[in-house]
PDB file of all heavy atoms in Angstrom:
ATOM      1  N   GLY A   1     -17.250  93.127  46.174  1.00  0.00           N
ATOM      2  CA  GLY A   1     -18.053  93.640  45.072  1.00  0.00           C
ATOM      3  C   GLY A   1     -18.503  92.567  44.106  1.00  0.00           C
ATOM      4  O   GLY A   1     -17.985  91.459  44.104  1.00  0.00           O
ATOM      5  N   HIS A   2     -19.497  92.888  43.328  1.00  0.00           N
ATOM      6  CA  HIS A   2     -19.948  92.009  42.253  1.00  0.00           C
ATOM      7  C   HIS A   2     -19.214  92.449  41.001  1.00  0.00           C
ATOM      8  O   HIS A   2     -19.564  93.437  40.382  1.00  0.00           O
ATOM      9  CB  HIS A   2     -21.459  92.079  42.070  1.00  0.00           C
ATOM     10  CG  HIS A   2     -22.204  91.289  43.091  1.00  0.00           C
ATOM     11  ND1 HIS A   2     -23.567  91.291  43.157  1.00  0.00           N
ATOM     12  CD2 HIS A   2     -21.791  90.461  44.077  1.00  0.00           C
ATOM     13  CE1 HIS A   2     -23.964  90.506  44.148  1.00  0.00           C
ATOM     14  NE2 HIS A   2     -22.889  90.007  44.728  1.00  0.00           N
ATOM     15  N   VAL A   3     -18.162  91.713  40.671  1.00  0.00           N
ATOM     16  CA  VAL A   3     -17.318  92.059  39.531  1.00  0.00           C
ATOM     17  C   VAL A   3     -17.539  91.057  38.410  1.00  0.00           C
ATOM     18  O   VAL A   3     -17.839  89.887  38.656  1.00  0.00           O
ATOM     19  CB  VAL A   3     -15.823  92.096  39.924  1.00  0.00           C
ATOM     20  CG1 VAL A   3     -15.575  93.195  40.938  1.00  0.00           C
ATOM     21  CG2 VAL A   3     -15.356  90.776  40.469  1.00  0.00           C
ATOM     22  N   PRO A   4     -17.414  91.488  37.154  1.00  0.00           N
ATOM     23  CA  PRO A   4     -17.561  90.545  36.048  1.00  0.00           C
ATOM     24  C   PRO A   4     -16.449  89.506  36.109  1.00  0.00           C
ATOM     25  O   PRO A   4     -15.308  89.822  36.423  1.00  0.00           O
ATOM     26  CB  PRO A   4     -17.412  91.414  34.800  1.00  0.00           C
ATOM     27  CG  PRO A   4     -17.085  92.772  35.246  1.00  0.00           C
ATOM     28  CD  PRO A   4     -17.099  92.826  36.726  1.00  0.00           C
ATOM     29  N   PHE A   5     -16.807  88.255  35.839  1.00  0.00           N
ATOM     30  CA  PHE A   5     -15.797  87.209  35.935  1.00  0.00           C
ATOM     31  C   PHE A   5     -15.740  86.315  34.715  1.00  0.00           C
ATOM     32  O   PHE A   5     -14.849  85.490  34.592  1.00  0.00           O
ATOM     33  CB  PHE A   5     -15.986  86.361  37.195  1.00  0.00           C
ATOM     34  CG  PHE A   5     -17.349  85.736  37.326  1.00  0.00           C
ATOM     35  CD1 PHE A   5     -17.652  84.547  36.710  1.00  0.00           C
ATOM     36  CD2 PHE A   5     -18.314  86.353  38.090  1.00  0.00           C
ATOM     37  CE1 PHE A   5     -18.913  83.983  36.841  1.00  0.00           C
ATOM     38  CE2 PHE A   5     -19.580  85.783  38.237  1.00  0.00           C
ATOM     39  CZ  PHE A   5     -19.873  84.591  37.609  1.00  0.00           C
ATOM     40  N   GLY A   6     -16.668  86.458  33.792  1.00  0.00           N
ATOM     41  CA  GLY A   6     -16.645  85.602  32.608  1.00  0.00           C
ATOM     42  C   GLY A   6     -16.807  84.148  32.986  1.00  0.00           C
ATOM     43  O   GLY A   6     -17.471  83.810  33.947  1.00  0.00           O
ATOM     44  N   ASP A   7     -16.168  83.290  32.232  1.00  0.00           N
ATOM     45  CA  ASP A   7     -16.247  81.861  32.511  1.00  0.00           C
ATOM     46  C   ASP A   7     -15.281  81.484  33.620  1.00  0.00           C
ATOM     47  O   ASP A   7     -14.162  81.974  33.676  1.00  0.00           O
ATOM     48  CB  ASP A   7     -15.889  81.047  31.262  1.00  0.00           C
ATOM     49  CG  ASP A   7     -16.911  81.223  30.166  1.00  0.00           C
ATOM     50  OD1 ASP A   7     -18.092  81.416  30.507  1.00  0.00           O
ATOM     51  OD2 ASP A   7     -16.530  81.183  28.985  1.00  0.00           O
ATOM     52  N   ALA A   8     -15.711  80.611  34.507  1.00  0.00           N
ATOM     53  CA  ALA A   8     -14.813  80.074  35.532  1.00  0.00           C
ATOM     54  C   ALA A   8     -13.960  78.999  34.851  1.00  0.00           C
ATOM     55  O   ALA A   8     -14.316  77.837  34.802  1.00  0.00           O
ATOM     56  CB  ALA A   8     -15.614  79.522  36.696  1.00  0.00           C
ATOM     57  N   SER A   9     -12.853  79.417  34.276  1.00  0.00           N
ATOM     58  CA  SER A   9     -12.006  78.550  33.462  1.00  0.00           C
ATOM     59  C   SER A   9     -11.085  77.688  34.302  1.00  0.00           C
ATOM     60  O   SER A   9     -11.005  77.819  35.527  1.00  0.00           O
ATOM     61  CB  SER A   9     -11.155  79.420  32.532  1.00  0.00           C
ATOM     62  OG  SER A   9     -10.239  80.166  33.319  1.00  0.00           O
ATOM     63  N   ASP A  10     -10.361  76.798  33.611  1.00  0.00           N
ATOM     64  CA  ASP A  10      -9.367  75.961  34.279  1.00  0.00           C
ATOM     65  C   ASP A  10      -8.307  76.823  34.950  1.00  0.00           C
ATOM     66  O   ASP A  10      -7.839  76.510  36.039  1.00  0.00           O
ATOM     67  CB  ASP A  10      -8.707  74.999  33.285  1.00  0.00           C
ATOM     68  CG  ASP A  10      -9.654  73.904  32.826  1.00  0.00           C
ATOM     69  OD1 ASP A  10     -10.681  73.667  33.489  1.00  0.00           O
ATOM     70  OD2 ASP A  10      -9.359  73.285  31.783  1.00  0.00           O
ATOM     71  N   ALA A  11      -7.915  77.924  34.307  1.00  0.00           N
ATOM     72  CA  ALA A  11      -6.908  78.824  34.889  1.00  0.00           C
ATOM     73  C   ALA A  11      -7.427  79.444  36.180  1.00  0.00           C
ATOM     74  O   ALA A  11      -6.686  79.588  37.155  1.00  0.00           O
ATOM     75  CB  ALA A  11      -6.528  79.911  33.891  1.00  0.00           C
ATOM     76  N   PHE A  12      -8.720  79.789  36.200  1.00  0.00           N
ATOM     77  CA  PHE A  12      -9.309  80.340  37.417  1.00  0.00           C
ATOM     78  C   PHE A  12      -9.331  79.279  38.513  1.00  0.00           C
ATOM     79  O   PHE A  12      -8.991  79.559  39.667  1.00  0.00           O
ATOM     80  CB  PHE A  12     -10.724  80.857  37.152  1.00  0.00           C
ATOM     81  CG  PHE A  12     -11.392  81.350  38.392  1.00  0.00           C
ATOM     82  CD1 PHE A  12     -11.130  82.621  38.868  1.00  0.00           C
ATOM     83  CD2 PHE A  12     -12.251  80.532  39.100  1.00  0.00           C
ATOM     84  CE1 PHE A  12     -11.722  83.070  40.040  1.00  0.00           C
ATOM     85  CE2 PHE A  12     -12.843  80.977  40.263  1.00  0.00           C
ATOM     86  CZ  PHE A  12     -12.583  82.246  40.737  1.00  0.00           C
ATOM     87  N   ALA A  13      -9.728  78.075  38.169  1.00  0.00           N
ATOM     88  CA  ALA A  13      -9.764  76.990  39.156  1.00  0.00           C
ATOM     89  C   ALA A  13      -8.376  76.748  39.732  1.00  0.00           C
ATOM     90  O   ALA A  13      -8.217  76.567  40.948  1.00  0.00           O
ATOM     91  CB  ALA A  13     -10.321  75.716  38.523  1.00  0.00           C
ATOM     92  N   GLU A  14      -7.364  76.773  38.875  1.00  0.00           N
ATOM     93  CA  GLU A  14      -5.992  76.575  39.345  1.00  0.00           C
ATOM     94  C   GLU A  14      -5.576  77.707  40.283  1.00  0.00           C
ATOM     95  O   GLU A  14      -4.908  77.475  41.293  1.00  0.00           O
ATOM     96  CB  GLU A  14      -5.026  76.479  38.160  1.00  0.00           C
ATOM     97  CG  GLU A  14      -3.616  76.146  38.547  1.00  0.00           C
ATOM     98  CD  GLU A  14      -3.447  74.763  39.172  1.00  0.00           C
ATOM     99  OE1 GLU A  14      -4.255  73.860  38.917  1.00  0.00           O
ATOM    100  OE2 GLU A  14      -2.471  74.593  39.925  1.00  0.00           O
ATOM    101  N   MET A  15      -5.996  78.949  39.988  1.00  0.00           N
ATOM    102  CA  MET A  15      -5.689  80.072  40.867  1.00  0.00           C
ATOM    103  C   MET A  15      -6.338  79.871  42.239  1.00  0.00           C
ATOM    104  O   MET A  15      -5.732  80.135  43.275  1.00  0.00           O
ATOM    105  CB  MET A  15      -6.144  81.400  40.267  1.00  0.00           C
ATOM    106  CG  MET A  15      -5.768  82.597  41.126  1.00  0.00           C
ATOM    107  SD  MET A  15      -6.292  84.197  40.463  1.00  0.00           S
ATOM    108  CE  MET A  15      -8.038  84.184  40.870  1.00  0.00           C
ATOM    109  N   MET A  16      -7.584  79.379  42.266  1.00  0.00           N
ATOM    110  CA  MET A  16      -8.271  79.121  43.533  1.00  0.00           C
ATOM    111  C   MET A  16      -7.509  78.065  44.342  1.00  0.00           C
ATOM    112  O   MET A  16      -7.313  78.212  45.547  1.00  0.00           O
ATOM    113  CB  MET A  16      -9.714  78.647  43.291  1.00  0.00           C
ATOM    114  CG  MET A  16     -10.632  79.706  42.721  1.00  0.00           C
ATOM    115  SD  MET A  16     -11.042  81.012  43.907  1.00  0.00           S
ATOM    116  CE  MET A  16     -10.164  82.382  43.190  1.00  0.00           C
ATOM    117  N   VAL A  17      -7.073  76.988  43.673  1.00  0.00           N
ATOM    118  CA  VAL A  17      -6.302  75.942  44.351  1.00  0.00           C
ATOM    119  C   VAL A  17      -5.014  76.540  44.922  1.00  0.00           C
ATOM    120  O   VAL A  17      -4.654  76.293  46.081  1.00  0.00           O
ATOM    121  CB  VAL A  17      -5.990  74.759  43.399  1.00  0.00           C
ATOM    122  CG1 VAL A  17      -4.977  73.803  44.028  1.00  0.00           C
ATOM    123  CG2 VAL A  17      -7.271  74.016  43.035  1.00  0.00           C
ATOM    124  N   ASP A  18      -4.318  77.334  44.131  1.00  0.00           N
ATOM    125  CA  ASP A  18      -3.070  77.954  44.585  1.00  0.00           C
ATOM    126  C   ASP A  18      -3.314  78.873  45.786  1.00  0.00           C
ATOM    127  O   ASP A  18      -2.503  78.906  46.725  1.00  0.00           O
ATOM    128  CB  ASP A  18      -2.415  78.746  43.451  1.00  0.00           C
ATOM    129  CG  ASP A  18      -1.848  77.859  42.354  1.00  0.00           C
ATOM    130  OD1 ASP A  18      -1.690  76.633  42.568  1.00  0.00           O
ATOM    131  OD2 ASP A  18      -1.563  78.403  41.262  1.00  0.00           O
ATOM    132  N   LEU A  19      -4.397  79.641  45.753  1.00  0.00           N
ATOM    133  CA  LEU A  19      -4.715  80.523  46.876  1.00  0.00           C
ATOM    134  C   LEU A  19      -4.965  79.723  48.152  1.00  0.00           C
ATOM    135  O   LEU A  19      -4.477  80.083  49.228  1.00  0.00           O
ATOM    136  CB  LEU A  19      -5.935  81.381  46.552  1.00  0.00           C
ATOM    137  CG  LEU A  19      -5.716  82.523  45.577  1.00  0.00           C
ATOM    138  CD1 LEU A  19      -7.049  83.055  45.068  1.00  0.00           C
ATOM    139  CD2 LEU A  19      -4.918  83.636  46.238  1.00  0.00           C
ATOM    140  N   LEU A  20      -5.735  78.642  48.041  1.00  0.00           N
ATOM    141  CA  LEU A  20      -6.006  77.802  49.209  1.00  0.00           C
ATOM    142  C   LEU A  20      -4.723  77.173  49.726  1.00  0.00           C
ATOM    143  O   LEU A  20      -4.461  77.155  50.931  1.00  0.00           O
ATOM    144  CB  LEU A  20      -7.042  76.728  48.865  1.00  0.00           C
ATOM    145  CG  LEU A  20      -8.462  77.244  48.630  1.00  0.00           C
ATOM    146  CD1 LEU A  20      -9.323  76.151  48.010  1.00  0.00           C
ATOM    147  CD2 LEU A  20      -9.075  77.746  49.918  1.00  0.00           C
ATOM    148  N   GLU A  21      -3.910  76.656  48.805  1.00  0.00           N
ATOM    149  CA  GLU A  21      -2.654  76.031  49.206  1.00  0.00           C
ATOM    150  C   GLU A  21      -1.736  77.069  49.870  1.00  0.00           C
ATOM    151  O   GLU A  21      -1.078  76.775  50.875  1.00  0.00           O
ATOM    152  CB  GLU A  21      -1.969  75.403  48.003  1.00  0.00           C
ATOM    153  CG  GLU A  21      -0.733  74.603  48.381  1.00  0.00           C
ATOM    154  CD  GLU A  21      -0.091  73.930  47.185  1.00  0.00           C
ATOM    155  OE1 GLU A  21      -0.135  74.481  46.065  1.00  0.00           O
ATOM    156  OE2 GLU A  21       0.490  72.858  47.395  1.00  0.00           O
ATOM    157  N   GLY A  22      -1.706  78.267  49.342  1.00  0.00           N
ATOM    158  CA  GLY A  22      -0.905  79.336  49.932  1.00  0.00           C
ATOM    159  C   GLY A  22      -1.374  79.738  51.316  1.00  0.00           C
ATOM    160  O   GLY A  22      -0.638  80.325  52.104  1.00  0.00           O
ATOM    161  N   HIS A  23      -2.616  79.411  51.621  1.00  0.00           N
ATOM    162  CA  HIS A  23      -3.199  79.693  52.935  1.00  0.00           C
ATOM    163  C   HIS A  23      -2.921  78.551  53.912  1.00  0.00           C
ATOM    164  O   HIS A  23      -3.362  78.577  55.048  1.00  0.00           O
ATOM    165  CB  HIS A  23      -4.706  79.929  52.771  1.00  0.00           C
ATOM    166  CG  HIS A  23      -5.366  80.583  53.941  1.00  0.00           C
ATOM    167  ND1 HIS A  23      -5.159  81.896  54.272  1.00  0.00           N
ATOM    168  CD2 HIS A  23      -6.212  80.095  54.873  1.00  0.00           C
ATOM    169  CE1 HIS A  23      -5.871  82.190  55.350  1.00  0.00           C
ATOM    170  NE2 HIS A  23      -6.514  81.106  55.732  1.00  0.00           N
ATOM    171  N   GLY A  24      -2.207  77.513  53.434  1.00  0.00           N
ATOM    172  CA  GLY A  24      -1.835  76.399  54.304  1.00  0.00           C
ATOM    173  C   GLY A  24      -2.708  75.168  54.184  1.00  0.00           C
ATOM    174  O   GLY A  24      -2.561  74.217  54.947  1.00  0.00           O
ATOM    175  N   ILE A  25      -3.612  75.163  53.217  1.00  0.00           N
ATOM    176  CA  ILE A  25      -4.489  74.006  53.011  1.00  0.00           C
ATOM    177  C   ILE A  25      -3.797  73.033  52.068  1.00  0.00           C
ATOM    178  O   ILE A  25      -3.239  73.435  51.044  1.00  0.00           O
ATOM    179  CB  ILE A  25      -5.858  74.465  52.468  1.00  0.00           C
ATOM    180  CG1 ILE A  25      -6.546  75.320  53.539  1.00  0.00           C
ATOM    181  CG2 ILE A  25      -6.710  73.283  52.039  1.00  0.00           C
ATOM    182  CD1 ILE A  25      -7.782  76.011  53.079  1.00  0.00           C
ATOM    183  N   ASP A  26      -3.818  71.757  52.429  1.00  0.00           N
ATOM    184  CA  ASP A  26      -3.202  70.713  51.613  1.00  0.00           C
ATOM    185  C   ASP A  26      -3.730  70.786  50.174  1.00  0.00           C
ATOM    186  O   ASP A  26      -4.922  71.002  49.954  1.00  0.00           O
ATOM    187  CB  ASP A  26      -3.525  69.346  52.229  1.00  0.00           C
ATOM    188  CG  ASP A  26      -2.923  68.211  51.447  1.00  0.00           C
ATOM    189  OD1 ASP A  26      -1.711  67.991  51.575  1.00  0.00           O
ATOM    190  OD2 ASP A  26      -3.697  67.556  50.696  1.00  0.00           O
ATOM    191  N   ARG A  27      -2.841  70.621  49.203  1.00  0.00           N
ATOM    192  CA  ARG A  27      -3.215  70.762  47.792  1.00  0.00           C
ATOM    193  C   ARG A  27      -4.338  69.803  47.396  1.00  0.00           C
ATOM    194  O   ARG A  27      -5.258  70.192  46.674  1.00  0.00           O
ATOM    195  CB  ARG A  27      -2.007  70.578  46.879  1.00  0.00           C
ATOM    196  CG  ARG A  27      -2.354  70.865  45.416  1.00  0.00           C
ATOM    197  CD  ARG A  27      -1.132  71.164  44.580  1.00  0.00           C
ATOM    198  NE  ARG A  27      -1.526  71.677  43.291  1.00  0.00           N
ATOM    199  CZ  ARG A  27      -1.718  72.960  43.003  1.00  0.00           C
ATOM    200  NH1 ARG A  27      -1.554  73.883  43.918  1.00  0.00           N
ATOM    201  NH2 ARG A  27      -2.079  73.347  41.790  1.00  0.00           N
ATOM    202  N   ASP A  28      -4.300  68.554  47.849  1.00  0.00           N
ATOM    203  CA  ASP A  28      -5.366  67.605  47.514  1.00  0.00           C
ATOM    204  C   ASP A  28      -6.713  68.074  48.065  1.00  0.00           C
ATOM    205  O   ASP A  28      -7.741  67.971  47.391  1.00  0.00           O
ATOM    206  CB  ASP A  28      -5.039  66.206  48.040  1.00  0.00           C
ATOM    207  CG  ASP A  28      -3.894  65.550  47.287  1.00  0.00           C
ATOM    208  OD1 ASP A  28      -3.619  65.954  46.127  1.00  0.00           O
ATOM    209  OD2 ASP A  28      -3.262  64.637  47.847  1.00  0.00           O
ATOM    210  N   VAL A  29      -6.714  68.576  49.296  1.00  0.00           N
ATOM    211  CA  VAL A  29      -7.940  69.109  49.901  1.00  0.00           C
ATOM    212  C   VAL A  29      -8.424  70.321  49.105  1.00  0.00           C
ATOM    213  O   VAL A  29      -9.619  70.466  48.832  1.00  0.00           O
ATOM    214  CB  VAL A  29      -7.704  69.471  51.384  1.00  0.00           C
ATOM    215  CG1 VAL A  29      -8.910  70.191  51.974  1.00  0.00           C
ATOM    216  CG2 VAL A  29      -7.371  68.218  52.191  1.00  0.00           C
ATOM    217  N   ALA A  30      -7.488  71.188  48.715  1.00  0.00           N
ATOM    218  CA  ALA A  30      -7.834  72.381  47.935  1.00  0.00           C
ATOM    219  C   ALA A  30      -8.442  71.999  46.589  1.00  0.00           C
ATOM    220  O   ALA A  30      -9.454  72.568  46.170  1.00  0.00           O
ATOM    221  CB  ALA A  30      -6.602  73.263  47.739  1.00  0.00           C
ATOM    222  N   GLU A  31      -7.845  71.026  45.902  1.00  0.00           N
ATOM    223  CA  GLU A  31      -8.373  70.592  44.605  1.00  0.00           C
ATOM    224  C   GLU A  31      -9.771  70.005  44.744  1.00  0.00           C
ATOM    225  O   GLU A  31     -10.656  70.276  43.926  1.00  0.00           O
ATOM    226  CB  GLU A  31      -7.426  69.579  43.966  1.00  0.00           C
ATOM    227  CG  GLU A  31      -6.146  70.214  43.454  1.00  0.00           C
ATOM    228  CD  GLU A  31      -5.124  69.208  42.961  1.00  0.00           C
ATOM    229  OE1 GLU A  31      -5.261  67.991  43.236  1.00  0.00           O
ATOM    230  OE2 GLU A  31      -4.158  69.646  42.296  1.00  0.00           O
ATOM    231  N   ASP A  32      -9.993  69.201  45.789  1.00  0.00           N
ATOM    232  CA  ASP A  32     -11.328  68.638  46.026  1.00  0.00           C
ATOM    233  C   ASP A  32     -12.340  69.744  46.299  1.00  0.00           C
ATOM    234  O   ASP A  32     -13.461  69.716  45.778  1.00  0.00           O
ATOM    235  CB  ASP A  32     -11.302  67.655  47.199  1.00  0.00           C
ATOM    236  CG  ASP A  32     -10.580  66.357  46.879  1.00  0.00           C
ATOM    237  OD1 ASP A  32     -10.318  66.083  45.690  1.00  0.00           O
ATOM    238  OD2 ASP A  32     -10.265  65.610  47.834  1.00  0.00           O
TER     239      ASP A  32
END
C-alpha cells in the first residue's frame, strides 16, 4: 500500500539496515 511515511529519518534508515542484516545481508553492504 501507499502509506504515509513522513520524513525518511535516521531512525528509519537504521531500521532498513537492521531489516537487511536480519535477512542475512552483511551490515556494511546493508548500510551502503
